[in-house]
Amino acid sequence: MSLIRVDVMGKPGCHLCEDADAVIDEVVSDSADIELVRHNILDDAELFELWHDDIPVVLIDGLKHSSWAVDADAFRSALEEARA
């Protein structure tokens, strides 16, 4: 089984980021095949430049899945596609 990498771009104090984190945590809580990496865009100038207007941004295996909000069903479906 290979790991699916999920990168989440956000920043402290962002209520949309907190909402997205809650959905992501719920969806991946029982998934042993997920590598979840959260990035604070304030700590990385390149990430800030790329994503500051779109946070939260979720990437699945390097491909943009969503920005501004995470729909649990769409996220689950995208993870299932990544597993296939």
C-alpha atoms as a PDB file:
ATOM      1  CA  MET A   1       0.000   0.000   0.000  1.00  0.00           C
ATOM      2  CA  SER A   2       1.449   3.364  -0.983  1.00  0.00           C
ATOM      3  CA  LEU A   3       0.787   6.525   0.979  1.00  0.00           C
ATOM      4  CA  ILE A   4      -1.440   9.264  -0.350  1.00  0.00           C
ATOM      5  CA  ARG A   5       0.024  12.638   0.504  1.00  0.00           C
ATOM      6  CA  VAL A   6      -2.405  15.372   1.498  1.00  0.00           C
ATOM      7  CA  ASP A   7      -0.922  18.859   1.856  1.00  0.00           C
ATOM      8  CA  VAL A   8      -2.988  21.586   3.485  1.00  0.00           C
ATOM      9  CA  MET A   9      -1.959  25.217   3.056  1.00  0.00           C
ATOM     10  CA  GLY A  10      -3.284  27.605   5.671  1.00  0.00           C
ATOM     11  CA  LYS A  11      -2.368  30.044   8.403  1.00  0.00           C
ATOM     12  CA  PRO A  12      -3.183  30.624  12.065  1.00  0.00           C
ATOM     13  CA  GLY A  13      -6.330  32.597  12.773  1.00  0.00           C
ATOM     14  CA  CYS A  14      -7.976  31.662   9.475  1.00  0.00           C
ATOM     15  CA  HIS A  15     -11.510  30.450  10.277  1.00  0.00           C
ATOM     16  CA  LEU A  16     -11.853  28.806   6.851  1.00  0.00           C
ATOM     17  CA  CYS A  17      -8.623  26.908   7.529  1.00  0.00           C
ATOM     18  CA  GLU A  18      -9.971  25.717  10.875  1.00  0.00           C
ATOM     19  CA  ASP A  19     -13.188  24.544   9.210  1.00  0.00           C
ATOM     20  CA  ALA A  20     -11.217  22.715   6.518  1.00  0.00           C
ATOM     21  CA  ASP A  21      -8.942  21.095   9.113  1.00  0.00           C
ATOM     22  CA  ALA A  22     -11.974  19.725  10.965  1.00  0.00           C
ATOM     23  CA  VAL A  23     -13.389  18.153   7.783  1.00  0.00           C
ATOM     24  CA  ILE A  24     -10.002  16.752   6.762  1.00  0.00           C
ATOM     25  CA  ASP A  25      -9.364  15.298  10.231  1.00  0.00           C
ATOM     26  CA  GLU A  26     -12.764  13.621  10.215  1.00  0.00           C
ATOM     27  CA  VAL A  27     -12.269  12.081   6.761  1.00  0.00           C
ATOM     28  CA  VAL A  28      -8.717  10.814   7.290  1.00  0.00           C
ATOM     29  CA  SER A  29      -9.030   9.800  10.956  1.00  0.00           C
ATOM     30  CA  ASP A  30      -9.223   6.066  10.185  1.00  0.00           C
ATOM     31  CA  SER A  31      -6.986   6.055   7.104  1.00  0.00           C
ATOM     32  CA  ALA A  32      -3.570   4.488   7.590  1.00  0.00           C
ATOM     33  CA  ASP A  33      -2.621   5.249   3.975  1.00  0.00           C
ATOM     34  CA  ILE A  34      -2.723   9.065   4.309  1.00  0.00           C
ATOM     35  CA  GLU A  35       0.308  11.243   4.955  1.00  0.00           C
ATOM     36  CA  LEU A  36      -1.197  14.530   6.133  1.00  0.00           C
ATOM     37  CA  VAL A  37       1.105  17.566   6.071  1.00  0.00           C
ATOM     38  CA  ARG A  38      -0.082  20.994   7.173  1.00  0.00           C
ATOM     39  CA  HIS A  39       1.811  24.068   5.996  1.00  0.00           C
ATOM     40  CA  ASN A  40       1.684  27.526   7.561  1.00  0.00           C
ATOM     41  CA  ILE A  41       2.046  29.836   4.563  1.00  0.00           C
ATOM     42  CA  LEU A  42       3.366  32.575   6.861  1.00  0.00           C
ATOM     43  CA  ASP A  43       6.489  30.451   7.416  1.00  0.00           C
ATOM     44  CA  ASP A  44       7.305  30.034   3.721  1.00  0.00           C
ATOM     45  CA  ALA A  45       7.486  32.982   1.306  1.00  0.00           C
ATOM     46  CA  GLU A  46       7.037  30.751  -1.754  1.00  0.00           C
ATOM     47  CA  LEU A  47       3.916  29.077  -0.373  1.00  0.00           C
ATOM     48  CA  PHE A  48       2.580  32.473   0.690  1.00  0.00           C
ATOM     49  CA  GLU A  49       3.064  33.864  -2.821  1.00  0.00           C
ATOM     50  CA  LEU A  50       1.395  30.845  -4.421  1.00  0.00           C
ATOM     51  CA  TRP A  51      -1.575  30.381  -2.117  1.00  0.00           C
ATOM     52  CA  HIS A  52      -2.313  33.463   0.038  1.00  0.00           C
ATOM     53  CA  ASP A  53      -5.481  34.379  -1.896  1.00  0.00           C
ATOM     54  CA  ASP A  54      -6.845  30.814  -1.914  1.00  0.00           C
ATOM     55  CA  ILE A  55      -6.357  29.359   1.573  1.00  0.00           C
ATOM     56  CA  PRO A  56      -7.153  26.885   2.738  1.00  0.00           C
ATOM     57  CA  VAL A  57      -5.773  24.917  -0.175  1.00  0.00           C
ATOM     58  CA  VAL A  58      -5.736  21.119  -0.233  1.00  0.00           C
ATOM     59  CA  LEU A  59      -3.433  19.153  -2.504  1.00  0.00           C
ATOM     60  CA  ILE A  60      -3.736  15.410  -2.983  1.00  0.00           C
ATOM     61  CA  ASP A  61      -0.505  13.879  -4.241  1.00  0.00           C
ATOM     62  CA  GLY A  62       0.575  17.316  -5.443  1.00  0.00           C
ATOM     63  CA  LEU A  63      -2.612  18.135  -7.357  1.00  0.00           C
ATOM     64  CA  LYS A  64      -4.957  20.874  -6.190  1.00  0.00           C
ATOM     65  CA  HIS A  65      -8.154  19.378  -4.833  1.00  0.00           C
ATOM     66  CA  SER A  66      -9.847  22.417  -3.302  1.00  0.00           C
ATOM     67  CA  SER A  67      -9.504  25.922  -1.995  1.00  0.00           C
ATOM     68  CA  TRP A  68     -11.521  28.065   0.426  1.00  0.00           C
ATOM     69  CA  ALA A  69     -13.605  25.120   1.646  1.00  0.00           C
ATOM     70  CA  VAL A  70     -13.437  21.328   1.831  1.00  0.00           C
ATOM     71  CA  ASP A  71     -16.525  19.267   1.094  1.00  0.00           C
ATOM     72  CA  ALA A  72     -16.274  15.966   2.984  1.00  0.00           C
ATOM     73  CA  ASP A  73     -17.923  13.859   0.276  1.00  0.00           C
ATOM     74  CA  ALA A  74     -15.826  15.352  -2.528  1.00  0.00           C
ATOM     75  CA  PHE A  75     -12.663  14.901  -0.443  1.00  0.00           C
ATOM     76  CA  ARG A  76     -13.518  11.243   0.279  1.00  0.00           C
ATOM     77  CA  SER A  77     -14.171  10.638  -3.420  1.00  0.00           C
ATOM     78  CA  ALA A  78     -10.875  12.245  -4.393  1.00  0.00           C
ATOM     79  CA  LEU A  79      -9.018  10.076  -1.908  1.00  0.00           C
ATOM     80  CA  GLU A  80     -10.723   6.955  -3.283  1.00  0.00           C
ATOM     81  CA  GLU A  81      -9.659   7.955  -6.799  1.00  0.00           C
ATOM     82  CA  ALA A  82      -6.094   8.410  -5.545  1.00  0.00           C
ATOM     83  CA  ARG A  83      -6.199   4.895  -4.087  1.00  0.00           C
ATOM     84  CA  ALA A  84      -7.275   3.347  -7.390  1.00  0.00           C
END
